[in-house]
């Protein structure tokens, strides 16, 4: 059970309002290691990850699931509206 709590704590930001402040740091880390990593690839990665991700604990689901779903819809909309 402790491992599930730690996993949820690690990815807590997925459902928080500060997602847009935290997520770009991960993009920067990946892009620093791979010069060919594009913003489009990042967007695809985030959509795939958020779509597949499941919180383990009831408290994380209650506190963060809705926010994560809102962010996922936002990212999908951004992708659909790109030229």
N, C-alpha and C. Protein backbone atom coordinates (compact mmCIF):
# COMPACT_ATOMS: atom_id res chain seq x y z
N UNK A 1 0.83 -1.20 0.00
CA UNK A 1 0.00 0.00 0.00
C UNK A 1 0.87 1.27 0.00
N UNK A 2 1.99 1.18 0.69
CA UNK A 2 2.89 2.34 0.75
C UNK A 2 3.43 2.70 -0.62
N UNK A 3 3.73 1.70 -1.44
CA UNK A 3 4.22 1.96 -2.80
C UNK A 3 3.19 2.71 -3.63
N UNK A 4 1.93 2.37 -3.46
CA UNK A 4 0.85 3.03 -4.19
C UNK A 4 0.74 4.49 -3.76
N UNK A 5 0.88 4.74 -2.47
CA UNK A 5 0.84 6.11 -1.96
C UNK A 5 1.99 6.92 -2.54
N UNK A 6 3.18 6.32 -2.57
CA UNK A 6 4.35 7.02 -3.12
C UNK A 6 4.19 7.30 -4.61
N UNK A 7 3.66 6.36 -5.35
CA UNK A 7 3.42 6.57 -6.78
C UNK A 7 2.45 7.73 -6.99
N UNK A 8 1.37 7.74 -6.23
CA UNK A 8 0.40 8.82 -6.36
C UNK A 8 1.00 10.16 -5.95
N UNK A 9 1.82 10.16 -4.92
CA UNK A 9 2.46 11.40 -4.49
C UNK A 9 3.41 11.92 -5.56
N UNK A 10 4.12 11.02 -6.20
CA UNK A 10 5.07 11.40 -7.24
C UNK A 10 4.38 12.06 -8.42
N UNK A 11 3.20 11.58 -8.77
CA UNK A 11 2.48 12.11 -9.94
C UNK A 11 1.27 12.95 -9.55
N UNK A 12 1.28 13.44 -8.35
CA UNK A 12 0.20 14.28 -7.84
C UNK A 12 -0.04 15.50 -8.72
N UNK A 13 1.04 16.06 -9.26
CA UNK A 13 0.94 17.29 -10.06
C UNK A 13 0.07 17.13 -11.31
N UNK A 14 -0.13 15.89 -11.77
CA UNK A 14 -0.92 15.68 -12.99
C UNK A 14 -2.32 16.26 -12.86
N UNK A 15 -2.86 16.28 -11.66
CA UNK A 15 -4.20 16.78 -11.45
C UNK A 15 -4.28 18.11 -10.74
N UNK A 16 -3.15 18.78 -10.62
CA UNK A 16 -3.14 20.06 -9.92
C UNK A 16 -3.10 21.23 -10.89
N UNK A 17 -3.43 22.39 -10.37
CA UNK A 17 -3.44 23.61 -11.19
C UNK A 17 -2.05 24.03 -11.62
N UNK A 18 -1.02 23.60 -10.93
CA UNK A 18 0.35 23.99 -11.31
C UNK A 18 1.00 23.00 -12.29
N UNK A 19 0.21 22.16 -12.92
CA UNK A 19 0.72 21.23 -13.94
C UNK A 19 1.53 22.00 -14.99
N UNK A 20 1.00 23.12 -15.45
CA UNK A 20 1.66 23.89 -16.52
C UNK A 20 2.98 24.51 -16.07
N UNK A 21 3.22 24.58 -14.80
CA UNK A 21 4.51 25.07 -14.30
C UNK A 21 5.50 23.93 -14.14
N UNK A 22 5.01 22.75 -13.83
CA UNK A 22 5.88 21.61 -13.53
C UNK A 22 6.22 20.79 -14.78
N UNK A 23 5.23 20.50 -15.60
CA UNK A 23 5.44 19.63 -16.77
C UNK A 23 6.53 20.13 -17.72
N UNK A 24 6.63 21.43 -17.99
CA UNK A 24 7.68 21.88 -18.90
C UNK A 24 9.10 21.57 -18.43
N UNK A 25 9.28 21.39 -17.15
CA UNK A 25 10.61 21.04 -16.63
C UNK A 25 11.02 19.65 -17.13
N UNK A 26 10.06 18.74 -17.18
CA UNK A 26 10.34 17.41 -17.69
C UNK A 26 10.66 17.48 -19.18
N UNK A 27 9.90 18.28 -19.91
CA UNK A 27 10.18 18.46 -21.34
C UNK A 27 11.62 18.96 -21.53
N UNK A 28 12.01 19.95 -20.76
CA UNK A 28 13.35 20.52 -20.87
C UNK A 28 14.43 19.48 -20.59
N UNK A 29 14.17 18.61 -19.60
CA UNK A 29 15.12 17.54 -19.29
C UNK A 29 15.29 16.59 -20.46
N UNK A 30 14.18 16.18 -21.05
CA UNK A 30 14.23 15.24 -22.17
C UNK A 30 14.88 15.92 -23.38
N UNK A 31 14.47 17.15 -23.68
CA UNK A 31 15.01 17.87 -24.83
C UNK A 31 16.51 18.12 -24.70
N UNK A 32 16.99 18.30 -23.48
CA UNK A 32 18.42 18.52 -23.26
C UNK A 32 19.23 17.27 -23.60
N UNK A 33 18.61 16.12 -23.48
CA UNK A 33 19.30 14.86 -23.78
C UNK A 33 19.10 14.42 -25.22
N UNK A 34 18.03 14.92 -25.85
CA UNK A 34 17.69 14.51 -27.21
C UNK A 34 17.30 15.73 -28.02
N UNK A 35 18.22 16.22 -28.83
CA UNK A 35 18.00 17.44 -29.61
C UNK A 35 16.86 17.31 -30.61
N UNK A 36 16.50 16.09 -30.97
CA UNK A 36 15.42 15.90 -31.95
C UNK A 36 14.04 15.82 -31.30
N UNK A 37 13.99 15.89 -29.98
CA UNK A 37 12.70 15.82 -29.26
C UNK A 37 11.94 17.13 -29.47
N UNK A 38 10.77 17.03 -30.09
CA UNK A 38 10.00 18.22 -30.45
C UNK A 38 8.86 18.48 -29.47
N UNK A 39 8.33 19.68 -29.55
CA UNK A 39 7.14 20.03 -28.75
C UNK A 39 5.96 19.15 -29.15
N UNK A 40 5.88 18.82 -30.43
CA UNK A 40 4.80 17.94 -30.91
C UNK A 40 4.93 16.55 -30.29
N UNK A 41 6.14 16.03 -30.23
CA UNK A 41 6.38 14.72 -29.61
C UNK A 41 6.04 14.78 -28.13
N UNK A 42 6.38 15.89 -27.49
CA UNK A 42 6.06 16.09 -26.08
C UNK A 42 4.55 16.08 -25.87
N UNK A 43 3.82 16.80 -26.70
CA UNK A 43 2.37 16.85 -26.59
C UNK A 43 1.78 15.45 -26.75
N UNK A 44 2.24 14.71 -27.74
CA UNK A 44 1.77 13.34 -27.95
C UNK A 44 2.07 12.46 -26.73
N UNK A 45 3.27 12.61 -26.19
CA UNK A 45 3.67 11.83 -25.02
C UNK A 45 2.78 12.13 -23.83
N UNK A 46 2.49 13.40 -23.61
CA UNK A 46 1.66 13.78 -22.48
C UNK A 46 0.23 13.27 -22.63
N UNK A 47 -0.32 13.37 -23.83
CA UNK A 47 -1.68 12.88 -24.07
C UNK A 47 -1.74 11.37 -23.82
N UNK A 48 -0.76 10.65 -24.33
CA UNK A 48 -0.73 9.19 -24.15
C UNK A 48 -0.57 8.85 -22.67
N UNK A 49 0.32 9.54 -22.00
CA UNK A 49 0.57 9.25 -20.58
C UNK A 49 -0.65 9.56 -19.72
N UNK A 50 -1.24 10.73 -19.89
CA UNK A 50 -2.40 11.10 -19.09
C UNK A 50 -3.59 10.19 -19.38
N UNK A 51 -3.72 9.74 -20.61
CA UNK A 51 -4.80 8.83 -20.97
C UNK A 51 -4.66 7.48 -20.28
N UNK A 52 -3.45 7.01 -20.14
CA UNK A 52 -3.20 5.69 -19.56
C UNK A 52 -3.05 5.70 -18.04
N UNK A 53 -2.68 6.83 -17.48
CA UNK A 53 -2.38 6.91 -16.05
C UNK A 53 -3.62 6.68 -15.19
N UNK A 54 -3.42 5.93 -14.11
CA UNK A 54 -4.47 5.71 -13.12
C UNK A 54 -3.89 5.95 -11.73
N UNK A 55 -4.60 6.72 -10.93
CA UNK A 55 -4.20 6.88 -9.54
C UNK A 55 -4.55 5.61 -8.79
N UNK A 56 -3.74 5.25 -7.81
CA UNK A 56 -3.95 4.03 -7.04
C UNK A 56 -4.87 4.23 -5.84
N UNK A 57 -4.71 5.35 -5.16
CA UNK A 57 -5.43 5.54 -3.90
C UNK A 57 -6.72 6.32 -4.08
N UNK A 58 -7.64 6.03 -3.20
CA UNK A 58 -8.94 6.72 -3.24
C UNK A 58 -8.76 8.23 -3.06
N UNK A 59 -7.89 8.62 -2.15
CA UNK A 59 -7.69 10.05 -1.91
C UNK A 59 -7.13 10.76 -3.14
N UNK A 60 -6.20 10.14 -3.84
CA UNK A 60 -5.65 10.76 -5.06
C UNK A 60 -6.72 10.86 -6.13
N UNK A 61 -7.52 9.81 -6.26
CA UNK A 61 -8.60 9.85 -7.26
C UNK A 61 -9.59 10.97 -6.92
N UNK A 62 -9.94 11.10 -5.67
CA UNK A 62 -10.90 12.15 -5.27
C UNK A 62 -10.32 13.55 -5.46
N UNK A 63 -9.05 13.73 -5.15
CA UNK A 63 -8.43 15.06 -5.19
C UNK A 63 -7.89 15.44 -6.56
N UNK A 64 -7.44 14.47 -7.37
CA UNK A 64 -6.68 14.82 -8.58
C UNK A 64 -7.25 14.32 -9.89
N UNK A 65 -8.11 13.32 -9.88
CA UNK A 65 -8.59 12.73 -11.13
C UNK A 65 -9.30 13.75 -12.02
N UNK A 66 -10.18 14.53 -11.44
CA UNK A 66 -10.93 15.51 -12.23
C UNK A 66 -9.99 16.53 -12.88
N UNK A 67 -9.04 17.03 -12.12
CA UNK A 67 -8.07 17.99 -12.66
C UNK A 67 -7.24 17.39 -13.78
N UNK A 68 -6.87 16.12 -13.63
CA UNK A 68 -6.10 15.43 -14.66
C UNK A 68 -6.93 15.29 -15.93
N UNK A 69 -8.20 14.98 -15.79
CA UNK A 69 -9.08 14.85 -16.95
C UNK A 69 -9.26 16.18 -17.67
N UNK A 70 -9.35 17.26 -16.91
CA UNK A 70 -9.45 18.60 -17.51
C UNK A 70 -8.19 18.90 -18.30
N UNK A 71 -7.04 18.61 -17.73
CA UNK A 71 -5.76 18.86 -18.41
C UNK A 71 -5.65 18.02 -19.68
N UNK A 72 -6.07 16.77 -19.61
CA UNK A 72 -6.03 15.90 -20.78
C UNK A 72 -6.89 16.47 -21.90
N UNK A 73 -8.08 16.91 -21.60
CA UNK A 73 -8.97 17.50 -22.61
C UNK A 73 -8.33 18.75 -23.21
N UNK A 74 -7.68 19.52 -22.37
CA UNK A 74 -6.99 20.73 -22.82
C UNK A 74 -5.87 20.38 -23.81
N UNK A 75 -5.08 19.38 -23.48
CA UNK A 75 -3.98 18.97 -24.35
C UNK A 75 -4.49 18.41 -25.68
N UNK A 76 -5.56 17.64 -25.63
CA UNK A 76 -6.16 17.10 -26.85
C UNK A 76 -6.67 18.24 -27.72
N UNK A 77 -7.28 19.23 -27.11
CA UNK A 77 -7.77 20.39 -27.86
C UNK A 77 -6.63 21.15 -28.51
N UNK A 78 -5.53 21.32 -27.80
CA UNK A 78 -4.35 21.99 -28.36
C UNK A 78 -3.86 21.21 -29.58
N UNK A 79 -3.78 19.91 -29.46
CA UNK A 79 -3.32 19.07 -30.57
C UNK A 79 -4.25 19.18 -31.79
N UNK A 80 -5.54 19.14 -31.54
CA UNK A 80 -6.51 19.20 -32.62
C UNK A 80 -6.52 20.57 -33.33
N UNK A 81 -6.15 21.59 -32.62
CA UNK A 81 -6.17 22.93 -33.20
C UNK A 81 -4.84 23.38 -33.79
N UNK A 82 -3.85 22.49 -33.78
CA UNK A 82 -2.57 22.82 -34.40
C UNK A 82 -2.69 22.70 -35.91
N UNK A 83 -1.99 23.56 -36.63
CA UNK A 83 -2.05 23.48 -38.10
C UNK A 83 -1.42 22.22 -38.66
